[in-house]
Amino acid sequence: MVGDRSQRRRDVLETSTNLLHESGWAALTMREVAARTGVSAGALYQWFDSKDEIYAELFTARLNRGIAQFDAMPDDLPFDDVLASMLRWVQTTWITLGRWQLDYSEIARGRGPGPARSALSEAYRHILEVGSVKLQAAAEREGRRFLGDLDTMHMIWGIAAGIAQRAEILQMETERVDQMMERAVRSLSAGLTESA
């Protein structure tokens, strides 16, 4: 039955992702997640204290997949390709989960740092570090120096999320979003590197 319980927990996370995507943060209630997953509210509360813990776990898992993806990037990619890959990943992440990040952070702000929120914070810091290392290595291969730190990586994240948000609000066509991303890569590449 341990496998059953583990599968039910994964079902809860999948249902939560679907609810967020379909209806947003307000629709992600413990009652709705339990009903759609077919588990009792009591079982759900054994796994998660609140919807913000569910969200924190979903976002942490997404960040951890991103870390693995960044680590797996070929070491010979040009700087602009590394940057473009990262921007695309952030854009996809924002579309999947990130648009509720502000709602989540407002809710979590007044609470103590539970284990799920601590794991999310750590995963976010780690993905920024991995991204910074990848960009620094790519810049060095091209005889440049990346002028980034974690604050710069956070800014890059914000730019990609901003493009994703604007594209969604204006219902932009893929081609226009691609053009915005290309401009962002060129601008960031020029502004965040210098000759070594």
N, C-alpha and C. Protein backbone atom coordinates (compact mmCIF):
# COMPACT_ATOMS: atom_id res chain seq x y z
N MET A 1 0.80 -1.21 0.00
CA MET A 1 0.00 0.00 0.00
C MET A 1 0.84 1.28 0.00
N VAL A 2 2.14 1.14 0.33
CA VAL A 2 2.99 2.32 0.32
C VAL A 2 3.05 2.90 -1.08
N GLY A 3 3.14 2.05 -2.11
CA GLY A 3 3.14 2.52 -3.49
C GLY A 3 1.86 3.24 -3.83
N ASP A 4 0.74 2.73 -3.33
CA ASP A 4 -0.56 3.36 -3.53
C ASP A 4 -0.56 4.78 -2.97
N ARG A 5 -0.07 4.90 -1.75
CA ARG A 5 -0.04 6.21 -1.08
C ARG A 5 0.86 7.18 -1.83
N SER A 6 1.99 6.68 -2.28
CA SER A 6 2.93 7.51 -3.03
C SER A 6 2.30 7.97 -4.35
N GLN A 7 1.59 7.07 -5.01
CA GLN A 7 0.91 7.42 -6.26
C GLN A 7 -0.19 8.45 -6.01
N ARG A 8 -0.93 8.29 -4.93
CA ARG A 8 -2.01 9.24 -4.61
C ARG A 8 -1.43 10.63 -4.37
N ARG A 9 -0.29 10.69 -3.72
CA ARG A 9 0.37 11.97 -3.46
C ARG A 9 0.78 12.62 -4.79
N ARG A 10 1.33 11.81 -5.71
CA ARG A 10 1.67 12.34 -7.04
C ARG A 10 0.42 12.81 -7.77
N ASP A 11 -0.68 12.07 -7.60
CA ASP A 11 -1.95 12.48 -8.20
C ASP A 11 -2.40 13.84 -7.67
N VAL A 12 -2.20 14.05 -6.38
CA VAL A 12 -2.56 15.34 -5.76
C VAL A 12 -1.75 16.46 -6.42
N LEU A 13 -0.47 16.23 -6.62
CA LEU A 13 0.38 17.27 -7.23
C LEU A 13 0.00 17.52 -8.68
N GLU A 14 -0.31 16.46 -9.41
CA GLU A 14 -0.74 16.63 -10.81
C GLU A 14 -2.07 17.37 -10.88
N THR A 15 -3.00 16.99 -10.03
CA THR A 15 -4.30 17.67 -9.99
C THR A 15 -4.12 19.14 -9.64
N SER A 16 -3.24 19.43 -8.72
CA SER A 16 -2.98 20.82 -8.32
C SER A 16 -2.41 21.62 -9.48
N THR A 17 -1.49 21.02 -10.22
CA THR A 17 -0.94 21.70 -11.40
C THR A 17 -2.05 22.01 -12.40
N ASN A 18 -2.92 21.03 -12.64
CA ASN A 18 -4.02 21.23 -13.58
C ASN A 18 -4.97 22.33 -13.10
N LEU A 19 -5.28 22.32 -11.82
CA LEU A 19 -6.16 23.36 -11.26
C LEU A 19 -5.55 24.75 -11.42
N LEU A 20 -4.27 24.88 -11.13
CA LEU A 20 -3.59 26.17 -11.31
C LEU A 20 -3.67 26.61 -12.75
N HIS A 21 -3.39 25.69 -13.66
CA HIS A 21 -3.38 26.03 -15.08
C HIS A 21 -4.78 26.40 -15.59
N GLU A 22 -5.77 25.67 -15.13
CA GLU A 22 -7.14 25.90 -15.59
C GLU A 22 -7.77 27.16 -14.99
N SER A 23 -7.60 27.33 -13.68
CA SER A 23 -8.42 28.33 -12.99
C SER A 23 -7.65 29.29 -12.09
N GLY A 24 -6.37 29.07 -11.91
CA GLY A 24 -5.59 30.01 -11.12
C GLY A 24 -5.51 29.70 -9.65
N TRP A 25 -4.81 30.60 -8.96
CA TRP A 25 -4.50 30.43 -7.54
C TRP A 25 -5.75 30.28 -6.68
N ALA A 26 -6.76 31.11 -6.93
CA ALA A 26 -7.96 31.09 -6.09
C ALA A 26 -8.68 29.74 -6.14
N ALA A 27 -8.59 29.06 -7.28
CA ALA A 27 -9.27 27.76 -7.43
C ALA A 27 -8.51 26.63 -6.74
N LEU A 28 -7.25 26.87 -6.41
CA LEU A 28 -6.46 25.84 -5.75
C LEU A 28 -6.81 25.83 -4.27
N THR A 29 -7.85 25.08 -3.94
CA THR A 29 -8.25 24.94 -2.54
C THR A 29 -8.03 23.49 -2.13
N MET A 30 -7.79 23.29 -0.88
CA MET A 30 -7.58 21.94 -0.38
C MET A 30 -8.82 21.07 -0.66
N ARG A 31 -9.99 21.65 -0.48
CA ARG A 31 -11.24 20.92 -0.72
C ARG A 31 -11.34 20.48 -2.19
N GLU A 32 -11.04 21.40 -3.11
CA GLU A 32 -11.14 21.08 -4.54
C GLU A 32 -10.09 20.05 -4.95
N VAL A 33 -8.89 20.19 -4.44
CA VAL A 33 -7.83 19.22 -4.75
C VAL A 33 -8.24 17.83 -4.25
N ALA A 34 -8.73 17.76 -3.03
CA ALA A 34 -9.16 16.47 -2.47
C ALA A 34 -10.28 15.86 -3.32
N ALA A 35 -11.27 16.68 -3.67
CA ALA A 35 -12.41 16.18 -4.46
C ALA A 35 -11.96 15.67 -5.83
N ARG A 36 -11.14 16.44 -6.51
CA ARG A 36 -10.70 16.04 -7.85
C ARG A 36 -9.76 14.85 -7.83
N THR A 37 -9.02 14.70 -6.76
CA THR A 37 -8.07 13.59 -6.67
C THR A 37 -8.74 12.33 -6.13
N GLY A 38 -9.85 12.51 -5.44
CA GLY A 38 -10.54 11.36 -4.88
C GLY A 38 -9.92 10.88 -3.58
N VAL A 39 -9.30 11.80 -2.86
CA VAL A 39 -8.77 11.45 -1.54
C VAL A 39 -9.56 12.23 -0.50
N SER A 40 -9.53 11.78 0.70
CA SER A 40 -10.22 12.51 1.76
C SER A 40 -9.42 13.75 2.11
N ALA A 41 -10.11 14.74 2.63
CA ALA A 41 -9.43 15.95 3.09
C ALA A 41 -8.41 15.61 4.17
N GLY A 42 -8.74 14.65 5.02
CA GLY A 42 -7.82 14.24 6.07
C GLY A 42 -6.51 13.70 5.51
N ALA A 43 -6.62 12.87 4.46
CA ALA A 43 -5.41 12.33 3.83
C ALA A 43 -4.60 13.45 3.20
N LEU A 44 -5.29 14.37 2.56
CA LEU A 44 -4.61 15.49 1.92
C LEU A 44 -3.84 16.32 2.95
N TYR A 45 -4.47 16.57 4.09
CA TYR A 45 -3.80 17.36 5.14
C TYR A 45 -2.67 16.58 5.81
N GLN A 46 -2.64 15.27 5.67
CA GLN A 46 -1.49 14.51 6.17
C GLN A 46 -0.26 14.77 5.30
N TRP A 47 -0.49 15.03 4.02
CA TRP A 47 0.62 15.25 3.10
C TRP A 47 1.02 16.71 3.01
N PHE A 48 0.02 17.61 3.09
CA PHE A 48 0.27 19.05 2.91
C PHE A 48 -0.54 19.84 3.93
N ASP A 49 0.09 20.79 4.58
CA ASP A 49 -0.62 21.63 5.55
C ASP A 49 -1.56 22.63 4.90
N SER A 50 -1.23 23.04 3.67
CA SER A 50 -2.02 24.09 3.01
C SER A 50 -1.73 24.08 1.52
N LYS A 51 -2.47 24.89 0.80
CA LYS A 51 -2.25 24.97 -0.63
C LYS A 51 -0.91 25.61 -0.95
N ASP A 52 -0.41 26.49 -0.08
CA ASP A 52 0.89 27.07 -0.38
C ASP A 52 2.00 26.03 -0.24
N GLU A 53 1.81 25.02 0.59
CA GLU A 53 2.79 23.93 0.64
C GLU A 53 2.74 23.10 -0.63
N ILE A 54 1.55 22.89 -1.15
CA ILE A 54 1.42 22.17 -2.43
C ILE A 54 2.15 22.96 -3.51
N TYR A 55 1.88 24.25 -3.59
CA TYR A 55 2.51 25.10 -4.60
C TYR A 55 4.02 25.08 -4.43
N ALA A 56 4.50 25.23 -3.21
CA ALA A 56 5.95 25.24 -2.96
C ALA A 56 6.58 23.94 -3.46
N GLU A 57 5.92 22.82 -3.22
CA GLU A 57 6.47 21.55 -3.68
C GLU A 57 6.44 21.45 -5.20
N LEU A 58 5.37 21.92 -5.83
CA LEU A 58 5.30 21.90 -7.29
C LEU A 58 6.42 22.75 -7.89
N PHE A 59 6.59 23.95 -7.35
CA PHE A 59 7.58 24.87 -7.90
C PHE A 59 8.99 24.35 -7.63
N THR A 60 9.21 23.77 -6.47
CA THR A 60 10.52 23.20 -6.15
C THR A 60 10.87 22.08 -7.12
N ALA A 61 9.92 21.21 -7.39
CA ALA A 61 10.16 20.11 -8.34
C ALA A 61 10.50 20.66 -9.72
N ARG A 62 9.79 21.70 -10.13
CA ARG A 62 10.06 22.32 -11.43
C ARG A 62 11.47 22.92 -11.46
N LEU A 63 11.85 23.61 -10.39
CA LEU A 63 13.19 24.19 -10.31
C LEU A 63 14.26 23.11 -10.34
N ASN A 64 14.03 22.01 -9.64
CA ASN A 64 15.00 20.92 -9.63
C ASN A 64 15.16 20.29 -11.02
N ARG A 65 14.07 20.20 -11.77
CA ARG A 65 14.17 19.71 -13.16
C ARG A 65 14.97 20.71 -14.00
N GLY A 66 14.78 21.99 -13.74
CA GLY A 66 15.54 23.02 -14.45
C GLY A 66 17.02 22.95 -14.14
N ILE A 67 17.35 22.71 -12.89
CA ILE A 67 18.76 22.57 -12.49
C ILE A 67 19.39 21.42 -13.27
N ALA A 68 18.69 20.30 -13.33
CA ALA A 68 19.20 19.14 -14.07
C ALA A 68 19.35 19.47 -15.56
N GLN A 69 18.38 20.20 -16.10
CA GLN A 69 18.44 20.58 -17.51
C GLN A 69 19.62 21.52 -17.76
N PHE A 70 19.83 22.50 -16.89
CA PHE A 70 20.95 23.42 -17.05
C PHE A 70 22.28 22.67 -16.93
N ASP A 71 22.37 21.77 -15.94
CA ASP A 71 23.59 20.98 -15.76
C ASP A 71 23.90 20.13 -16.99
N ALA A 72 22.86 19.67 -17.68
CA ALA A 72 23.03 18.79 -18.83
C ALA A 72 23.34 19.53 -20.13
N MET A 73 23.31 20.86 -20.10
CA MET A 73 23.62 21.62 -21.32
C MET A 73 25.04 21.28 -21.79
N PRO A 74 25.22 21.10 -23.09
CA PRO A 74 26.57 20.83 -23.60
C PRO A 74 27.53 21.97 -23.21
N ASP A 75 28.74 21.59 -22.90
CA ASP A 75 29.73 22.58 -22.45
C ASP A 75 30.23 23.49 -23.57
N ASP A 76 29.91 23.16 -24.81
CA ASP A 76 30.42 23.98 -25.91
C ASP A 76 29.39 24.96 -26.48
N LEU A 77 28.26 25.10 -25.81
CA LEU A 77 27.25 26.04 -26.29
C LEU A 77 27.75 27.48 -26.20
N PRO A 78 27.48 28.29 -27.23
CA PRO A 78 27.82 29.71 -27.15
C PRO A 78 27.01 30.41 -26.05
N PHE A 79 27.53 31.50 -25.55
CA PHE A 79 26.90 32.26 -24.48
C PHE A 79 25.45 32.59 -24.82
N ASP A 80 25.21 33.11 -26.03
CA ASP A 80 23.84 33.51 -26.39
C ASP A 80 22.89 32.32 -26.41
N ASP A 81 23.38 31.13 -26.78
CA ASP A 81 22.53 29.94 -26.79
C ASP A 81 22.20 29.48 -25.37
N VAL A 82 23.20 29.57 -24.47
CA VAL A 82 22.96 29.23 -23.07
C VAL A 82 21.91 30.18 -22.50
N LEU A 83 22.11 31.47 -22.74
CA LEU A 83 21.17 32.48 -22.24
C LEU A 83 19.78 32.27 -22.82
N ALA A 84 19.69 32.02 -24.11
CA ALA A 84 18.38 31.79 -24.75
C ALA A 84 17.69 30.56 -24.16
N SER A 85 18.45 29.48 -23.92
CA SER A 85 17.86 28.27 -23.33
C SER A 85 17.30 28.57 -21.94
N MET A 86 18.05 29.35 -21.17
CA MET A 86 17.60 29.69 -19.83
C MET A 86 16.35 30.57 -19.88
N LEU A 87 16.34 31.55 -20.76
CA LEU A 87 15.17 32.42 -20.88
C LEU A 87 13.93 31.61 -21.29
N ARG A 88 14.10 30.69 -22.22
CA ARG A 88 12.97 29.84 -22.65
C ARG A 88 12.47 28.98 -21.50
N TRP A 89 13.40 28.43 -20.73
CA TRP A 89 13.01 27.59 -19.61
C TRP A 89 12.21 28.42 -18.60
N VAL A 90 12.69 29.60 -18.30
CA VAL A 90 11.97 30.47 -17.35
C VAL A 90 10.60 30.82 -17.91
N GLN A 91 10.53 31.11 -19.19
CA GLN A 91 9.24 31.45 -19.82
C GLN A 91 8.25 30.29 -19.65
N THR A 92 8.70 29.08 -19.94
CA THR A 92 7.83 27.90 -19.81
C THR A 92 7.44 27.68 -18.36
N THR A 93 8.38 27.87 -17.46
CA THR A 93 8.09 27.71 -16.04
C THR A 93 7.06 28.73 -15.59
N TRP A 94 7.20 29.95 -16.05
CA TRP A 94 6.25 30.99 -15.67
C TRP A 94 4.86 30.63 -16.18
N ILE A 95 4.78 30.16 -17.40
CA ILE A 95 3.49 29.78 -17.97
C ILE A 95 2.88 28.64 -17.17
N THR A 96 3.70 27.67 -16.76
CA THR A 96 3.20 26.50 -16.04
C THR A 96 2.83 26.82 -14.60
N LEU A 97 3.71 27.51 -13.88
CA LEU A 97 3.50 27.72 -12.45
C LEU A 97 3.76 29.14 -11.97
N GLY A 98 4.60 29.84 -12.65
CA GLY A 98 5.11 31.09 -12.11
C GLY A 98 4.14 32.24 -12.00
N ARG A 99 3.10 32.24 -12.81
CA ARG A 99 2.19 33.38 -12.77
C ARG A 99 1.51 33.50 -11.42
N TRP A 100 1.54 32.45 -10.63
CA TRP A 100 0.95 32.52 -9.29
C TRP A 100 1.99 32.73 -8.22
N GLN A 101 3.24 32.94 -8.64
CA GLN A 101 4.32 33.10 -7.68
C GLN A 101 4.09 34.32 -6.79
N LEU A 102 3.61 35.41 -7.36
CA LEU A 102 3.38 36.61 -6.56
C LEU A 102 2.27 36.38 -5.55
N ASP A 103 1.20 35.73 -5.97
CA ASP A 103 0.13 35.39 -5.03
C ASP A 103 0.68 34.53 -3.91
N TYR A 104 1.46 33.54 -4.29
CA TYR A 104 2.04 32.63 -3.31
C TYR A 104 2.94 33.39 -2.34
N SER A 105 3.82 34.26 -2.87
CA SER A 105 4.76 34.94 -1.98
C SER A 105 4.05 35.90 -1.05
N GLU A 106 2.95 36.50 -1.49
CA GLU A 106 2.17 37.36 -0.60
C GLU A 106 1.57 36.55 0.54
N ILE A 107 1.08 35.37 0.21
CA ILE A 107 0.46 34.52 1.22
C ILE A 107 1.53 33.99 2.18
N ALA A 108 2.65 33.58 1.64
CA ALA A 108 3.70 32.97 2.46
C ALA A 108 4.48 33.99 3.28
N ARG A 109 4.44 35.25 2.87
CA ARG A 109 5.26 36.28 3.52
C ARG A 109 5.04 36.36 5.02
N GLY A 110 3.79 36.26 5.45
CA GLY A 110 3.50 36.42 6.87
C GLY A 110 3.69 35.15 7.67
N ARG A 111 4.12 34.09 7.06
CA ARG A 111 4.24 32.81 7.76
C ARG A 111 5.70 32.45 7.97
N GLY A 112 5.90 31.57 8.91
CA GLY A 112 7.25 31.07 9.15
C GLY A 112 7.73 30.23 7.98
N PRO A 113 9.02 30.02 7.89
CA PRO A 113 9.58 29.28 6.75
C PRO A 113 9.43 27.78 6.91
N GLY A 114 8.30 27.23 6.56
CA GLY A 114 8.11 25.78 6.65
C GLY A 114 9.07 25.05 5.75
N PRO A 115 9.15 23.73 5.88
CA PRO A 115 10.11 22.95 5.09
C PRO A 115 9.89 23.07 3.59
N ALA A 116 8.63 23.13 3.15
CA ALA A 116 8.37 23.26 1.72
C ALA A 116 8.85 24.61 1.20
N ARG A 117 8.63 25.66 1.95
CA ARG A 117 9.08 26.99 1.53
C ARG A 117 10.60 27.10 1.59
N SER A 118 11.21 26.46 2.56
CA SER A 118 12.67 26.46 2.65
C SER A 118 13.27 25.71 1.45
N ALA A 119 12.67 24.60 1.09
CA ALA A 119 13.16 23.83 -0.07
C ALA A 119 13.00 24.65 -1.35
N LEU A 120 11.89 25.36 -1.48
CA LEU A 120 11.67 26.21 -2.65
C LEU A 120 12.73 27.31 -2.72
N SER A 121 12.98 27.96 -1.62
CA SER A 121 13.98 29.02 -1.58
C SER A 121 15.36 28.48 -1.95
N GLU A 122 15.71 27.34 -1.42
CA GLU A 122 17.00 26.72 -1.72
C GLU A 122 17.10 26.33 -3.19
N ALA A 123 16.06 25.74 -3.75
CA ALA A 123 16.07 25.34 -5.16
C ALA A 123 16.18 26.57 -6.07
N TYR A 124 15.50 27.65 -5.72
CA TYR A 124 15.57 28.87 -6.53
C TYR A 124 16.99 29.43 -6.49
N ARG A 125 17.58 29.50 -5.31
CA ARG A 125 18.95 30.00 -5.19
C ARG A 125 19.90 29.10 -5.99
N HIS A 126 19.69 27.79 -5.92
CA HIS A 126 20.56 26.85 -6.62
C HIS A 126 20.45 27.00 -8.13
N ILE A 127 19.24 27.17 -8.66
CA ILE A 127 19.12 27.30 -10.12
C ILE A 127 19.77 28.60 -10.60
N LEU A 128 19.70 29.65 -9.80
CA LEU A 128 20.38 30.89 -10.16
C LEU A 128 21.90 30.69 -10.17
N GLU A 129 22.41 29.95 -9.19
CA GLU A 129 23.85 29.67 -9.14
C GLU A 129 24.30 28.84 -10.33
N VAL A 130 23.55 27.78 -10.65
CA VAL A 130 23.90 26.93 -11.78
C VAL A 130 23.86 27.74 -13.07
N GLY A 131 22.84 28.56 -13.23
CA GLY A 131 22.75 29.40 -14.41
C GLY A 131 23.93 30.36 -14.52
N SER A 132 24.31 30.95 -13.42
CA SER A 132 25.43 31.88 -13.41
C SER A 132 26.73 31.18 -13.81
N VAL A 133 26.95 29.99 -13.27
CA VAL A 133 28.15 29.23 -13.60
C VAL A 133 28.17 28.88 -15.09
N LYS A 134 27.04 28.45 -15.63
CA LYS A 134 26.96 28.10 -17.05
C LYS A 134 27.23 29.31 -17.94
N LEU A 135 26.66 30.45 -17.58
CA LEU A 135 26.87 31.66 -18.38
C LEU A 135 28.32 32.14 -18.27
N GLN A 136 28.90 32.06 -17.08
CA GLN A 136 30.31 32.46 -16.90
C GLN A 136 31.22 31.59 -17.76
N ALA A 137 31.00 30.28 -17.74
CA ALA A 137 31.84 29.36 -18.52
C ALA A 137 31.69 29.63 -20.02
N ALA A 138 30.47 29.86 -20.48
CA ALA A 138 30.23 30.15 -21.90
C ALA A 138 30.91 31.45 -22.31
N ALA A 139 30.82 32.46 -21.46
CA ALA A 139 31.46 33.75 -21.76
C ALA A 139 32.97 33.57 -21.83
N GLU A 140 33.54 32.84 -20.90
CA GLU A 140 34.99 32.62 -20.88
C GLU A 140 35.46 31.90 -22.14
N ARG A 141 34.68 30.93 -22.63
CA ARG A 141 35.06 30.23 -23.87
C ARG A 141 35.12 31.20 -25.05
N GLU A 142 34.38 32.30 -24.97
CA GLU A 142 34.36 33.29 -26.05
C GLU A 142 35.28 34.48 -25.77
N GLY A 143 36.11 34.36 -24.73
CA GLY A 143 37.02 35.44 -24.41
C GLY A 143 36.34 36.63 -23.77
N ARG A 144 35.19 36.38 -23.14
CA ARG A 144 34.45 37.45 -22.47
C ARG A 144 34.31 37.12 -20.99
N ARG A 145 33.84 38.08 -20.25
CA ARG A 145 33.59 37.87 -18.83
C ARG A 145 32.12 38.20 -18.56
N PHE A 146 31.44 37.28 -17.90
CA PHE A 146 30.04 37.49 -17.50
C PHE A 146 30.02 38.35 -16.26
N LEU A 147 29.28 39.43 -16.29
CA LEU A 147 29.24 40.38 -15.18
C LEU A 147 28.13 40.06 -14.20
N GLY A 148 27.82 38.81 -14.07
CA GLY A 148 26.64 38.44 -13.29
C GLY A 148 26.95 37.92 -11.91
N ASP A 149 25.93 38.04 -11.08
CA ASP A 149 25.90 37.45 -9.76
C ASP A 149 24.47 36.97 -9.55
N LEU A 150 24.10 36.60 -8.35
CA LEU A 150 22.75 36.09 -8.14
C LEU A 150 21.69 37.16 -8.39
N ASP A 151 22.00 38.41 -8.08
CA ASP A 151 21.03 39.48 -8.37
C ASP A 151 20.82 39.62 -9.88
N THR A 152 21.89 39.49 -10.64
CA THR A 152 21.78 39.55 -12.10
C THR A 152 20.94 38.39 -12.62
N MET A 153 21.16 37.20 -12.06
CA MET A 153 20.39 36.04 -12.48
C MET A 153 18.91 36.23 -12.15
N HIS A 154 18.64 36.83 -11.01
CA HIS A 154 17.25 37.12 -10.65
C HIS A 154 16.64 38.11 -11.65
N MET A 155 17.42 39.09 -12.07
CA MET A 155 16.95 40.05 -13.07
C MET A 155 16.64 39.34 -14.40
N ILE A 156 17.53 38.41 -14.81
CA ILE A 156 17.30 37.66 -16.05
C ILE A 156 16.00 36.87 -15.94
N TRP A 157 15.79 36.25 -14.78
CA TRP A 157 14.54 35.51 -14.53
C TRP A 157 13.35 36.44 -14.70
N GLY A 158 13.44 37.62 -14.10
CA GLY A 158 12.35 38.58 -14.16
C GLY A 158 12.05 39.04 -15.58
N ILE A 159 13.07 39.22 -16.39
CA ILE A 159 12.87 39.63 -17.79
C ILE A 159 12.13 38.54 -18.55
N ALA A 160 12.57 37.30 -18.41
CA ALA A 160 11.90 36.19 -19.10
C ALA A 160 10.46 36.04 -18.63
N ALA A 161 10.24 36.15 -17.33
CA ALA A 161 8.87 36.05 -16.80
C ALA A 161 8.03 37.22 -17.31
N GLY A 162 8.62 38.39 -17.40
CA GLY A 162 7.90 39.56 -17.92
C GLY A 162 7.48 39.37 -19.36
N ILE A 163 8.36 38.81 -20.16
CA ILE A 163 8.01 38.53 -21.57
C ILE A 163 6.86 37.53 -21.63
N ALA A 164 6.95 36.48 -20.82
CA ALA A 164 5.88 35.47 -20.80
C ALA A 164 4.56 36.09 -20.38
N GLN A 165 4.61 36.95 -19.37
CA GLN A 165 3.38 37.59 -18.89
C GLN A 165 2.79 38.50 -19.96
N ARG A 166 3.63 39.30 -20.58
CA ARG A 166 3.15 40.21 -21.62
C ARG A 166 2.56 39.42 -22.79
N ALA A 167 3.22 38.34 -23.17
CA ALA A 167 2.72 37.52 -24.27
C ALA A 167 1.36 36.94 -23.94
N GLU A 168 1.17 36.53 -22.70
CA GLU A 168 -0.12 35.96 -22.31
C GLU A 168 -1.21 37.03 -22.28
N ILE A 169 -0.92 38.17 -21.69
CA ILE A 169 -1.91 39.23 -21.58
C ILE A 169 -2.35 39.71 -22.96
N LEU A 170 -1.37 39.89 -23.84
CA LEU A 170 -1.68 40.40 -25.18
C LEU A 170 -2.00 39.30 -26.18
N GLN A 171 -1.96 38.07 -25.72
CA GLN A 171 -2.21 36.90 -26.57
C GLN A 171 -1.38 36.97 -27.85
N MET A 172 -0.09 37.16 -27.66
CA MET A 172 0.83 37.30 -28.78
C MET A 172 1.03 35.99 -29.51
N GLU A 173 1.31 36.12 -30.78
CA GLU A 173 1.65 34.96 -31.58
C GLU A 173 3.07 34.52 -31.24
N THR A 174 3.34 33.25 -31.44
CA THR A 174 4.65 32.68 -31.10
C THR A 174 5.78 33.45 -31.77
N GLU A 175 5.59 33.83 -33.01
CA GLU A 175 6.64 34.54 -33.74
C GLU A 175 7.02 35.85 -33.05
N ARG A 176 6.04 36.57 -32.56
CA ARG A 176 6.32 37.84 -31.88
C ARG A 176 7.02 37.60 -30.54
N VAL A 177 6.62 36.56 -29.83
CA VAL A 177 7.28 36.22 -28.57
C VAL A 177 8.73 35.83 -28.84
N ASP A 178 8.96 35.05 -29.91
CA ASP A 178 10.32 34.67 -30.29
C ASP A 178 11.17 35.90 -30.58
N GLN A 179 10.60 36.88 -31.24
CA GLN A 179 11.33 38.12 -31.53
C GLN A 179 11.69 38.86 -30.25
N MET A 180 10.76 38.91 -29.31
CA MET A 180 11.05 39.55 -28.03
C MET A 180 12.17 38.83 -27.29
N MET A 181 12.14 37.51 -27.31
CA MET A 181 13.19 36.73 -26.66
C MET A 181 14.54 36.96 -27.33
N GLU A 182 14.56 37.02 -28.64
CA GLU A 182 15.81 37.28 -29.36
C GLU A 182 16.38 38.65 -29.00
N ARG A 183 15.52 39.65 -28.91
CA ARG A 183 15.98 40.99 -28.50
C ARG A 183 16.52 40.96 -27.07
N ALA A 184 15.84 40.22 -26.21
CA ALA A 184 16.30 40.12 -24.82
C ALA A 184 17.68 39.46 -24.76
N VAL A 185 17.88 38.40 -25.55
CA VAL A 185 19.18 37.72 -25.55
C VAL A 185 20.26 38.68 -26.03
N ARG A 186 20.01 39.38 -27.14
CA ARG A 186 21.02 40.32 -27.66
C ARG A 186 21.33 41.42 -26.65
N SER A 187 20.30 41.98 -26.06
CA SER A 187 20.49 43.07 -25.10
C SER A 187 21.23 42.59 -23.85
N LEU A 188 20.80 41.48 -23.33
CA LEU A 188 21.45 40.94 -22.11
C LEU A 188 22.89 40.52 -22.42
N SER A 189 23.10 39.90 -23.56
CA SER A 189 24.45 39.47 -23.92
C SER A 189 25.39 40.66 -24.01
N ALA A 190 24.93 41.72 -24.64
CA ALA A 190 25.76 42.93 -24.77
C ALA A 190 25.97 43.63 -23.43
N GLY A 191 24.94 43.65 -22.61
CA GLY A 191 25.01 44.39 -21.36
C GLY A 191 25.63 43.65 -20.21
N LEU A 192 25.68 42.33 -20.28
CA LEU A 192 26.15 41.54 -19.15
C LEU A 192 27.50 40.86 -19.37
N THR A 193 28.14 41.17 -20.50
CA THR A 193 29.47 40.62 -20.74
C THR A 193 30.40 41.74 -21.17
N GLU A 194 31.68 41.51 -20.96
CA GLU A 194 32.71 42.43 -21.45
C GLU A 194 33.91 41.63 -21.89
N SER A 195 34.78 42.23 -22.64
CA SER A 195 36.00 41.53 -23.07
C SER A 195 36.83 41.16 -21.85
N ALA A 196 37.39 39.97 -21.89
CA ALA A 196 38.20 39.50 -20.74
C ALA A 196 39.59 40.11 -20.77
